[in-house]
């Protein structure tokens, strides 16, 4: 195993031990309050540490959501409909 992979695995173990808290957020589109859960934060941090990529091949980078789930879905569908 190479050192980069070992460092990634060590980082994943650190993330699993981190104390994360739910974060209340305000949607940029509809201004509804939603919660960015500790579990969601941990999941994204682990994907980033493992070097995972998203569907277009870009590396996953930890960022906090700016939109609630409903508005993210609407935006995603709107992009899909304009692409076809």
Foldseek 3Di string as FASTA:
>chain_A
DDPLQVQLVVQLVVLVVDDDAWDWAAAPPPRDIDICGSVNQSVLSNQQSNQHADPVRHTRDDDDDRHDPVVVVVVVVVVVVVVD
